[in-house]
């Protein structure tokens, strides 16, 4: 039986969404929709973060102390929760980025791309 057609959307490995959110927040405080938009735009639409994944991830990062949150007005005059990366979040991002780069390089070698 042939393989199903490739999906235009990519599944994220566990922990990757946290890393992408933390990296996005190094740009400054952002509300959830802006975080999702930045990830989609930066990945040329390949990575799309749905609300059902984004907000539980933000809550998880908040509970771990890797982000803080405050209410503020958006440019469209709506109230939204703005997330900011913490010092602990930056340390976590640095560690996860190093791990990601090491694993990605190893996979590229196995796949014959390096």
N, C-alpha and C. Protein backbone atom coordinates (compact mmCIF):
# COMPACT_ATOMS: atom_id res chain seq x y z
N UNK A 1 0.85 -1.18 0.00
CA UNK A 1 0.00 0.00 0.00
C UNK A 1 0.89 1.24 0.00
N UNK A 2 0.65 2.22 -0.87
CA UNK A 2 1.50 3.41 -0.93
C UNK A 2 1.36 4.28 0.31
N UNK A 3 2.43 5.04 0.57
CA UNK A 3 2.40 6.00 1.68
C UNK A 3 1.37 7.07 1.39
N UNK A 4 0.71 7.57 2.45
CA UNK A 4 -0.21 8.69 2.22
C UNK A 4 0.55 9.90 1.71
N UNK A 5 -0.17 10.80 1.06
CA UNK A 5 0.45 12.03 0.54
C UNK A 5 1.06 12.82 1.67
N UNK A 6 2.21 13.43 1.43
CA UNK A 6 2.84 14.22 2.48
C UNK A 6 1.94 15.38 2.90
N UNK A 7 1.96 15.68 4.17
CA UNK A 7 1.17 16.78 4.71
C UNK A 7 1.87 18.10 4.47
N UNK A 8 1.09 19.14 4.27
CA UNK A 8 1.69 20.46 4.11
C UNK A 8 2.03 21.06 5.47
N UNK A 9 1.59 20.41 6.54
CA UNK A 9 1.89 20.88 7.88
C UNK A 9 2.86 19.90 8.53
N UNK A 10 3.74 20.42 9.35
CA UNK A 10 4.72 19.59 10.01
C UNK A 10 4.37 19.47 11.49
N UNK A 11 4.54 18.27 12.01
CA UNK A 11 4.32 18.03 13.43
C UNK A 11 5.59 18.41 14.19
N UNK A 12 5.42 19.05 15.31
CA UNK A 12 6.57 19.45 16.13
C UNK A 12 6.93 18.34 17.09
N UNK A 13 8.21 18.14 17.29
CA UNK A 13 8.68 17.18 18.28
C UNK A 13 8.39 17.73 19.67
N UNK A 14 8.21 16.86 20.68
CA UNK A 14 7.96 17.34 22.03
C UNK A 14 9.05 18.30 22.49
N UNK A 15 8.65 19.39 23.11
CA UNK A 15 9.59 20.38 23.60
C UNK A 15 9.94 21.46 22.59
N UNK A 16 9.68 21.19 21.30
CA UNK A 16 10.04 22.15 20.27
C UNK A 16 9.18 23.41 20.35
N UNK A 17 7.89 23.24 20.62
CA UNK A 17 7.00 24.40 20.71
C UNK A 17 7.46 25.34 21.82
N UNK A 18 7.83 24.78 22.96
CA UNK A 18 8.34 25.60 24.06
C UNK A 18 9.54 26.42 23.60
N UNK A 19 10.46 25.77 22.89
CA UNK A 19 11.66 26.45 22.41
C UNK A 19 11.29 27.56 21.42
N UNK A 20 10.35 27.31 20.53
CA UNK A 20 9.94 28.31 19.55
C UNK A 20 9.27 29.50 20.23
N UNK A 21 8.46 29.24 21.23
CA UNK A 21 7.80 30.32 21.97
C UNK A 21 8.85 31.15 22.71
N UNK A 22 9.75 30.48 23.42
CA UNK A 22 10.78 31.21 24.15
C UNK A 22 11.64 32.05 23.20
N UNK A 23 12.00 31.48 22.07
CA UNK A 23 12.81 32.22 21.09
C UNK A 23 12.05 33.44 20.59
N UNK A 24 10.78 33.28 20.31
CA UNK A 24 9.95 34.39 19.83
C UNK A 24 9.89 35.49 20.88
N UNK A 25 9.81 35.11 22.15
CA UNK A 25 9.70 36.10 23.21
C UNK A 25 11.01 36.85 23.47
N UNK A 26 12.11 36.40 22.87
CA UNK A 26 13.35 37.19 22.99
C UNK A 26 13.22 38.50 22.21
N UNK A 27 12.22 38.59 21.34
CA UNK A 27 11.96 39.81 20.58
C UNK A 27 11.28 40.88 21.44
N UNK A 28 10.67 40.45 22.54
CA UNK A 28 9.95 41.37 23.41
C UNK A 28 8.65 40.75 23.87
N UNK A 29 7.90 41.45 24.70
CA UNK A 29 6.62 40.96 25.20
C UNK A 29 5.61 40.89 24.06
N UNK A 30 4.92 39.77 23.98
CA UNK A 30 3.93 39.57 22.92
C UNK A 30 2.71 38.85 23.48
N UNK A 31 1.56 39.08 22.86
CA UNK A 31 0.37 38.32 23.23
C UNK A 31 0.35 37.04 22.40
N UNK A 32 -0.51 36.10 22.79
CA UNK A 32 -0.52 34.79 22.17
C UNK A 32 -0.67 34.80 20.66
N UNK A 33 -1.61 35.57 20.15
CA UNK A 33 -1.83 35.62 18.71
C UNK A 33 -0.57 36.09 17.98
N UNK A 34 0.11 37.09 18.54
CA UNK A 34 1.33 37.62 17.91
C UNK A 34 2.44 36.56 17.93
N UNK A 35 2.50 35.76 18.98
CA UNK A 35 3.49 34.68 19.05
C UNK A 35 3.22 33.68 17.93
N UNK A 36 1.97 33.25 17.80
CA UNK A 36 1.61 32.29 16.75
C UNK A 36 1.90 32.86 15.36
N UNK A 37 1.57 34.13 15.16
CA UNK A 37 1.82 34.78 13.87
C UNK A 37 3.30 34.84 13.55
N UNK A 38 4.11 35.17 14.53
CA UNK A 38 5.56 35.25 14.30
C UNK A 38 6.13 33.89 13.91
N UNK A 39 5.71 32.85 14.61
CA UNK A 39 6.21 31.51 14.30
C UNK A 39 5.80 31.11 12.89
N UNK A 40 4.56 31.36 12.52
CA UNK A 40 4.09 31.02 11.17
C UNK A 40 4.86 31.82 10.11
N UNK A 41 4.99 33.12 10.33
CA UNK A 41 5.67 33.97 9.34
C UNK A 41 7.15 33.61 9.22
N UNK A 42 7.80 33.38 10.35
CA UNK A 42 9.23 33.06 10.34
C UNK A 42 9.52 31.72 9.67
N UNK A 43 8.55 30.82 9.70
CA UNK A 43 8.74 29.49 9.10
C UNK A 43 8.12 29.40 7.71
N UNK A 44 7.79 30.54 7.12
CA UNK A 44 7.14 30.57 5.80
C UNK A 44 5.85 29.75 5.77
N UNK A 45 5.14 29.77 6.90
CA UNK A 45 3.85 29.10 6.98
C UNK A 45 3.91 27.61 7.23
N UNK A 46 5.09 27.04 7.34
CA UNK A 46 5.20 25.60 7.55
C UNK A 46 4.79 25.23 8.98
N UNK A 47 5.17 26.06 9.94
CA UNK A 47 4.81 25.81 11.33
C UNK A 47 3.65 26.72 11.71
N UNK A 48 2.51 26.12 11.95
CA UNK A 48 1.33 26.87 12.37
C UNK A 48 0.93 26.36 13.75
N UNK A 49 0.90 27.25 14.70
CA UNK A 49 0.59 26.88 16.07
C UNK A 49 -0.87 27.20 16.34
N UNK A 50 -1.64 26.18 16.60
CA UNK A 50 -3.06 26.35 16.88
C UNK A 50 -3.26 26.76 18.34
N UNK A 51 -4.37 27.44 18.62
CA UNK A 51 -4.67 27.89 19.97
C UNK A 51 -4.68 26.73 20.97
N UNK A 52 -5.16 25.58 20.53
CA UNK A 52 -5.23 24.41 21.40
C UNK A 52 -3.87 23.89 21.83
N UNK A 53 -2.82 24.26 21.12
CA UNK A 53 -1.45 23.91 21.50
C UNK A 53 -0.74 25.08 22.16
N UNK A 54 -0.98 26.28 21.63
CA UNK A 54 -0.26 27.46 22.09
C UNK A 54 -0.55 27.80 23.55
N UNK A 55 -1.82 27.91 23.90
CA UNK A 55 -2.15 28.39 25.24
C UNK A 55 -1.80 27.40 26.35
N UNK A 56 -1.96 26.09 26.15
CA UNK A 56 -1.44 25.16 27.16
C UNK A 56 0.09 25.25 27.30
N UNK A 57 0.79 25.46 26.18
CA UNK A 57 2.25 25.61 26.23
C UNK A 57 2.62 26.87 27.00
N UNK A 58 1.93 27.98 26.75
CA UNK A 58 2.21 29.22 27.47
C UNK A 58 1.94 29.04 28.97
N UNK A 59 0.89 28.35 29.31
CA UNK A 59 0.57 28.09 30.72
C UNK A 59 1.67 27.23 31.36
N UNK A 60 2.15 26.23 30.63
CA UNK A 60 3.23 25.37 31.11
C UNK A 60 4.50 26.20 31.35
N UNK A 61 4.84 27.09 30.40
CA UNK A 61 6.02 27.94 30.55
C UNK A 61 5.86 28.90 31.73
N UNK A 62 4.66 29.39 31.92
CA UNK A 62 4.37 30.27 33.05
C UNK A 62 4.55 29.53 34.37
N UNK A 63 4.01 28.32 34.45
CA UNK A 63 4.13 27.51 35.67
C UNK A 63 5.57 27.13 36.00
N UNK A 64 6.40 27.01 34.98
CA UNK A 64 7.81 26.67 35.19
C UNK A 64 8.66 27.89 35.49
N UNK A 65 8.07 29.08 35.39
CA UNK A 65 8.81 30.30 35.67
C UNK A 65 9.65 30.78 34.51
N UNK A 66 9.39 30.27 33.31
CA UNK A 66 10.18 30.65 32.14
C UNK A 66 9.61 31.86 31.42
N UNK A 67 8.35 32.21 31.74
CA UNK A 67 7.73 33.42 31.22
C UNK A 67 6.92 34.06 32.34
N UNK A 68 6.68 35.35 32.19
CA UNK A 68 5.74 36.07 33.07
C UNK A 68 4.62 36.58 32.18
N UNK A 69 3.54 37.02 32.81
CA UNK A 69 2.40 37.50 32.05
C UNK A 69 1.83 38.76 32.69
N UNK A 70 1.31 39.65 31.84
CA UNK A 70 0.62 40.84 32.33
C UNK A 70 -0.46 41.18 31.33
N UNK A 71 -1.51 41.81 31.82
CA UNK A 71 -2.59 42.27 30.94
C UNK A 71 -2.21 43.63 30.38
N UNK A 72 -2.49 43.82 29.10
CA UNK A 72 -2.25 45.12 28.45
C UNK A 72 -3.15 45.24 27.24
N UNK A 73 -3.23 46.44 26.72
CA UNK A 73 -4.07 46.70 25.55
C UNK A 73 -3.29 46.42 24.27
N UNK A 74 -3.95 45.76 23.34
CA UNK A 74 -3.34 45.48 22.04
C UNK A 74 -3.46 46.71 21.13
N UNK A 75 -2.78 46.71 20.00
CA UNK A 75 -2.93 47.82 19.06
C UNK A 75 -4.37 48.01 18.59
N UNK A 76 -5.19 46.95 18.67
CA UNK A 76 -6.59 47.05 18.26
C UNK A 76 -7.51 47.37 19.43
N UNK A 77 -6.91 47.84 20.53
CA UNK A 77 -7.65 48.31 21.72
C UNK A 77 -8.37 47.19 22.48
N UNK A 78 -7.87 45.98 22.38
CA UNK A 78 -8.42 44.86 23.16
C UNK A 78 -7.47 44.53 24.28
N UNK A 79 -7.99 43.98 25.36
CA UNK A 79 -7.15 43.53 26.45
C UNK A 79 -6.63 42.13 26.13
N UNK A 80 -5.35 41.92 26.37
CA UNK A 80 -4.74 40.62 26.09
C UNK A 80 -3.64 40.36 27.11
N UNK A 81 -3.32 39.09 27.27
CA UNK A 81 -2.20 38.70 28.13
C UNK A 81 -0.92 38.79 27.31
N UNK A 82 0.03 39.57 27.80
CA UNK A 82 1.34 39.71 27.15
C UNK A 82 2.36 38.89 27.93
N UNK A 83 3.08 38.07 27.21
CA UNK A 83 4.06 37.17 27.81
C UNK A 83 5.46 37.72 27.61
N UNK A 84 6.30 37.55 28.63
CA UNK A 84 7.68 38.01 28.60
C UNK A 84 8.57 36.87 29.09
N UNK A 85 9.67 36.66 28.38
CA UNK A 85 10.62 35.61 28.80
C UNK A 85 11.37 36.09 30.05
N UNK A 86 11.62 35.17 30.98
CA UNK A 86 12.36 35.48 32.20
C UNK A 86 13.83 35.08 32.03
N UNK A 87 14.64 35.43 33.00
CA UNK A 87 16.05 35.02 32.99
C UNK A 87 16.14 33.49 32.95
N UNK A 88 15.31 32.82 33.75
CA UNK A 88 15.30 31.35 33.75
C UNK A 88 14.86 30.82 32.38
N UNK A 89 13.94 31.51 31.74
CA UNK A 89 13.50 31.12 30.40
C UNK A 89 14.61 31.26 29.38
N UNK A 90 15.41 32.31 29.52
CA UNK A 90 16.54 32.49 28.60
C UNK A 90 17.58 31.38 28.79
N UNK A 91 17.80 30.99 30.04
CA UNK A 91 18.75 29.89 30.30
C UNK A 91 18.22 28.59 29.71
N UNK A 92 16.93 28.36 29.86
CA UNK A 92 16.31 27.15 29.32
C UNK A 92 16.40 27.15 27.79
N UNK A 93 16.14 28.30 27.18
CA UNK A 93 16.23 28.42 25.72
C UNK A 93 17.64 28.12 25.24
N UNK A 94 18.62 28.65 25.94
CA UNK A 94 20.01 28.41 25.55
C UNK A 94 20.34 26.92 25.60
N UNK A 95 19.91 26.25 26.67
CA UNK A 95 20.18 24.81 26.81
C UNK A 95 19.45 24.02 25.74
N UNK A 96 18.17 24.32 25.51
CA UNK A 96 17.39 23.59 24.51
C UNK A 96 17.91 23.85 23.10
N UNK A 97 18.36 25.07 22.83
CA UNK A 97 18.89 25.40 21.50
C UNK A 97 20.15 24.58 21.22
N UNK A 98 21.01 24.46 22.22
CA UNK A 98 22.23 23.66 22.04
C UNK A 98 21.89 22.21 21.78
N UNK A 99 20.94 21.66 22.55
CA UNK A 99 20.51 20.28 22.35
C UNK A 99 19.92 20.10 20.96
N UNK A 100 19.08 21.04 20.55
CA UNK A 100 18.42 20.97 19.24
C UNK A 100 19.45 20.98 18.11
N UNK A 101 20.42 21.87 18.19
CA UNK A 101 21.44 21.96 17.15
C UNK A 101 22.25 20.67 17.06
N UNK A 102 22.58 20.09 18.21
CA UNK A 102 23.35 18.84 18.24
C UNK A 102 22.56 17.69 17.60
N UNK A 103 21.28 17.57 17.97
CA UNK A 103 20.45 16.50 17.45
C UNK A 103 20.17 16.71 15.96
N UNK A 104 19.90 17.93 15.56
CA UNK A 104 19.64 18.23 14.15
C UNK A 104 20.86 17.89 13.29
N UNK A 105 22.04 18.23 13.76
CA UNK A 105 23.27 17.91 13.01
C UNK A 105 23.45 16.39 12.90
N UNK A 106 23.13 15.68 13.98
CA UNK A 106 23.27 14.22 13.95
C UNK A 106 22.28 13.60 12.96
N UNK A 107 21.06 14.08 12.95
CA UNK A 107 20.05 13.57 12.00
C UNK A 107 20.49 13.87 10.58
N UNK A 108 20.99 15.08 10.33
CA UNK A 108 21.47 15.42 8.98
C UNK A 108 22.58 14.49 8.53
N UNK A 109 23.47 14.13 9.44
CA UNK A 109 24.55 13.20 9.09
C UNK A 109 23.99 11.84 8.72
N UNK A 110 23.04 11.35 9.51
CA UNK A 110 22.44 10.04 9.23
C UNK A 110 21.70 10.07 7.89
N UNK A 111 21.04 11.16 7.61
CA UNK A 111 20.28 11.30 6.37
C UNK A 111 21.18 11.62 5.16
N UNK A 112 22.49 11.79 5.40
CA UNK A 112 23.42 12.07 4.34
C UNK A 112 23.37 13.49 3.83
N UNK A 113 22.93 14.42 4.67
CA UNK A 113 22.78 15.81 4.25
C UNK A 113 23.92 16.70 4.76
N UNK A 114 24.82 16.15 5.55
CA UNK A 114 25.88 17.00 6.11
C UNK A 114 27.19 16.77 5.41
